[in-house]
Protein backbone atom coordinates (compact mmCIF):
# COMPACT_ATOMS: atom_id res chain seq x y z
CA MET A 1 147.57 80.73 92.05
CA SER A 2 145.03 83.79 91.77
CA PRO A 3 141.58 83.74 93.74
CA GLU A 4 138.13 83.89 92.55
CA TYR A 5 135.47 85.00 92.36
CA ARG A 6 132.55 83.12 92.98
CA SER A 7 129.20 84.88 94.42
CA ILE A 8 127.03 83.29 96.44
CA ARG A 9 123.37 82.60 95.55
CA ILE A 10 121.09 80.36 97.96
CA ALA A 11 120.48 77.51 95.77
CA ASP A 12 116.96 76.24 98.45
CA THR A 13 115.04 79.26 98.97
CA GLY A 14 112.32 77.64 100.31
CA ALA A 15 115.02 76.54 103.53
CA ALA A 16 116.80 79.28 103.22
CA LEU A 17 113.48 80.82 105.07
CA ARG A 18 112.74 77.75 107.82
CA LEU A 19 116.05 78.63 108.42
CA LEU A 20 115.27 83.01 109.06
CA SER A 21 112.17 81.62 110.96
CA GLU A 22 114.65 80.23 113.48
CA VAL A 23 116.65 82.67 113.99
CA TYR A 24 113.80 83.57 116.93
CA SER A 25 114.37 80.88 119.09
CA ASP A 26 111.43 82.16 121.89
CA ALA A 27 108.13 81.72 120.70
CA ARG A 28 108.47 84.99 123.50
CA ARG A 29 110.61 86.90 121.03
CA ALA A 30 108.75 85.99 117.62
CA LEU A 31 105.40 87.36 119.33
CA ALA A 32 107.56 90.27 120.23
CA GLU A 33 108.36 90.63 116.67
CA PHE A 34 104.12 90.55 115.82
CA ILE A 35 103.46 93.19 118.30
CA SER A 36 106.77 95.46 117.31
CA ASN A 37 105.11 95.35 114.06
CA ALA A 38 102.63 96.84 115.02
CA ALA A 39 104.65 99.71 116.89
CA ASP A 40 105.94 100.83 114.17
CA ALA A 41 102.82 100.96 111.63
CA TYR A 42 101.34 103.05 114.04
CA LEU A 43 104.19 105.74 114.45
CA GLN A 44 103.92 105.77 110.60
CA GLY A 45 100.52 105.60 111.08
CA GLU A 46 101.17 108.99 113.39
CA ARG A 47 103.28 110.53 110.21
CA GLU A 48 101.13 110.48 107.68
CA GLY A 49 98.90 112.48 110.59
CA ILE A 50 96.61 110.01 111.57
CA ARG A 51 95.83 110.27 115.18
CA ARG A 52 94.33 107.96 118.28
CA ASP A 53 95.25 105.87 121.02
CA TRP A 54 97.14 102.85 119.98
CA ARG A 55 96.01 99.30 121.29
CA CYS A 56 97.28 96.34 121.11
CA GLU A 57 95.85 93.08 122.75
CA VAL A 58 97.56 89.86 122.31
CA HIS A 59 94.80 87.54 122.97
CA LEU A 60 95.97 84.10 124.28
CA GLY A 61 94.07 80.72 123.12
CA SER A 62 94.56 77.03 123.17
CA ARG A 63 94.79 76.67 119.19
CA ASP A 64 95.78 80.19 118.37
CA ILE A 65 97.44 83.36 119.08
CA LYS A 66 96.00 86.85 118.05
CA VAL A 67 97.44 89.81 117.94
CA LEU A 68 94.93 92.69 117.23
CA ASP A 69 95.43 96.96 117.26
CA ASN A 70 94.02 99.94 115.72
CA GLY A 71 97.20 100.97 113.60
CA PRO A 72 96.57 102.54 110.14
CA GLY A 73 96.24 98.82 108.57
CA ILE A 74 97.66 97.35 105.66
CA THR A 75 96.98 98.15 101.79
CA ARG A 76 95.48 95.46 99.47
CA ALA A 77 98.95 96.33 97.80
CA ARG A 78 101.33 95.91 100.32
CA LEU A 79 99.99 92.52 101.44
CA LEU A 80 100.84 91.14 98.16
CA GLU A 81 104.05 92.20 98.17
CA LEU A 82 105.41 91.14 101.21
CA PRO A 83 106.02 87.18 100.77
CA SER A 84 107.98 88.61 97.94
CA HIS A 85 109.98 90.99 100.15
CA VAL A 86 111.59 89.16 103.32
CA THR A 87 114.22 90.82 104.05
CA LEU A 88 113.51 94.27 102.16
CA SER A 89 112.51 96.12 104.25
CA ALA A 90 110.97 99.66 104.29
CA LYS A 91 111.65 100.92 107.34
CA SER A 92 116.38 101.17 106.77
CA GLY A 93 117.38 103.92 107.93
CA ASP A 94 114.28 104.30 109.51
CA SER A 95 115.89 105.00 113.97
CA HIS A 96 112.63 105.25 115.30
CA GLN A 97 111.32 102.32 113.71
CA LYS A 98 112.07 99.49 115.88
CA GLY A 99 112.48 96.98 113.01
CA HIS A 100 114.02 96.64 109.90
CA LYS A 101 115.62 93.72 108.04
CA ALA A 102 112.10 92.10 107.05
CA ILE A 103 112.60 89.05 108.63
CA GLY A 104 109.86 89.79 111.21
CA LEU A 105 107.23 87.35 109.62
CA LEU A 106 108.54 84.61 109.77
CA ALA A 107 108.58 84.47 113.09
CA TYR A 108 105.33 82.27 113.07
CA ALA A 109 106.85 80.10 111.70
CA SER A 110 109.72 79.88 115.54
CA PHE A 111 105.60 78.86 116.88
CA CYS A 112 103.34 77.91 114.63
CA ARG A 113 101.93 76.02 110.69
CA GLU A 114 100.73 79.79 109.71
CA MET A 115 99.96 82.59 109.62
CA ARG A 116 96.67 84.79 109.15
CA LEU A 117 97.04 88.46 108.72
CA ILE A 118 93.66 90.07 108.32
CA SER A 119 93.88 94.11 108.02
CA ARG A 120 92.04 97.46 106.55
CA ALA A 121 94.44 99.96 105.75
CA GLU A 122 93.13 103.67 107.63
CA GLY A 123 90.25 105.24 104.17
CA GLU A 124 89.32 102.27 102.86
CA GLN A 125 86.66 100.04 103.03
CA ASP A 126 87.38 96.50 102.14
CA THR A 127 89.31 94.59 104.35
CA TYR A 128 92.08 91.57 103.35
CA GLU A 129 93.81 88.47 104.73
CA THR A 130 96.39 86.78 103.35
CA PHE A 131 97.99 83.45 104.53
CA TRP A 132 101.30 82.57 105.38
CA SER A 133 102.28 78.37 106.31
CA THR A 134 104.82 76.65 106.58
CA GLU A 135 104.34 74.33 103.24
CA ARG A 136 102.78 77.13 101.77
CA GLN A 137 102.43 80.53 101.20
CA TYR A 138 99.11 82.39 100.19
CA SER A 139 98.07 86.05 99.33
CA PRO A 140 94.74 87.28 98.68
C-alpha cells in the first residue's frame, strides 16, 4: 500500500500558543527576549537614520517587571498586527538582528499572566498600548 499525504494542522491554536510560550522555561531567558527585541528595534532605527544613545532599563518590582527603552518605537499598525503574526517574523533573513522566530513576545506567559506593550513610534505624537493576557489578548 502506498503512503497517503496528510497535511499537518493545529487543532487547538490556543494550546499551541501556550506550548510555544513554554519554550522559555527560565524566566531570565524569557526576559532576555524583551531586551533582545529592544536591541533589534534600535538597530532597525539606526538603519532608518535614527541616531541616539540607546538605553534599555529593566525594573524588577514586587508585582511587575518593566523593560524600558528609547528605541524607535512601534507604530499602532504594527501593534495591531503582532498578535496575528506569531511565528511570522519581520526579521527573517536579517543576520544582523537577533530575533527571527516571532515567538519572543509569547515569552511573557512563562513568568507572568499579563503583558502590556506601550509604545510611541518615532515621529508620532500618540502613544499606544496593547495588552496580552494568558486568558485573552487585547489590542489598541
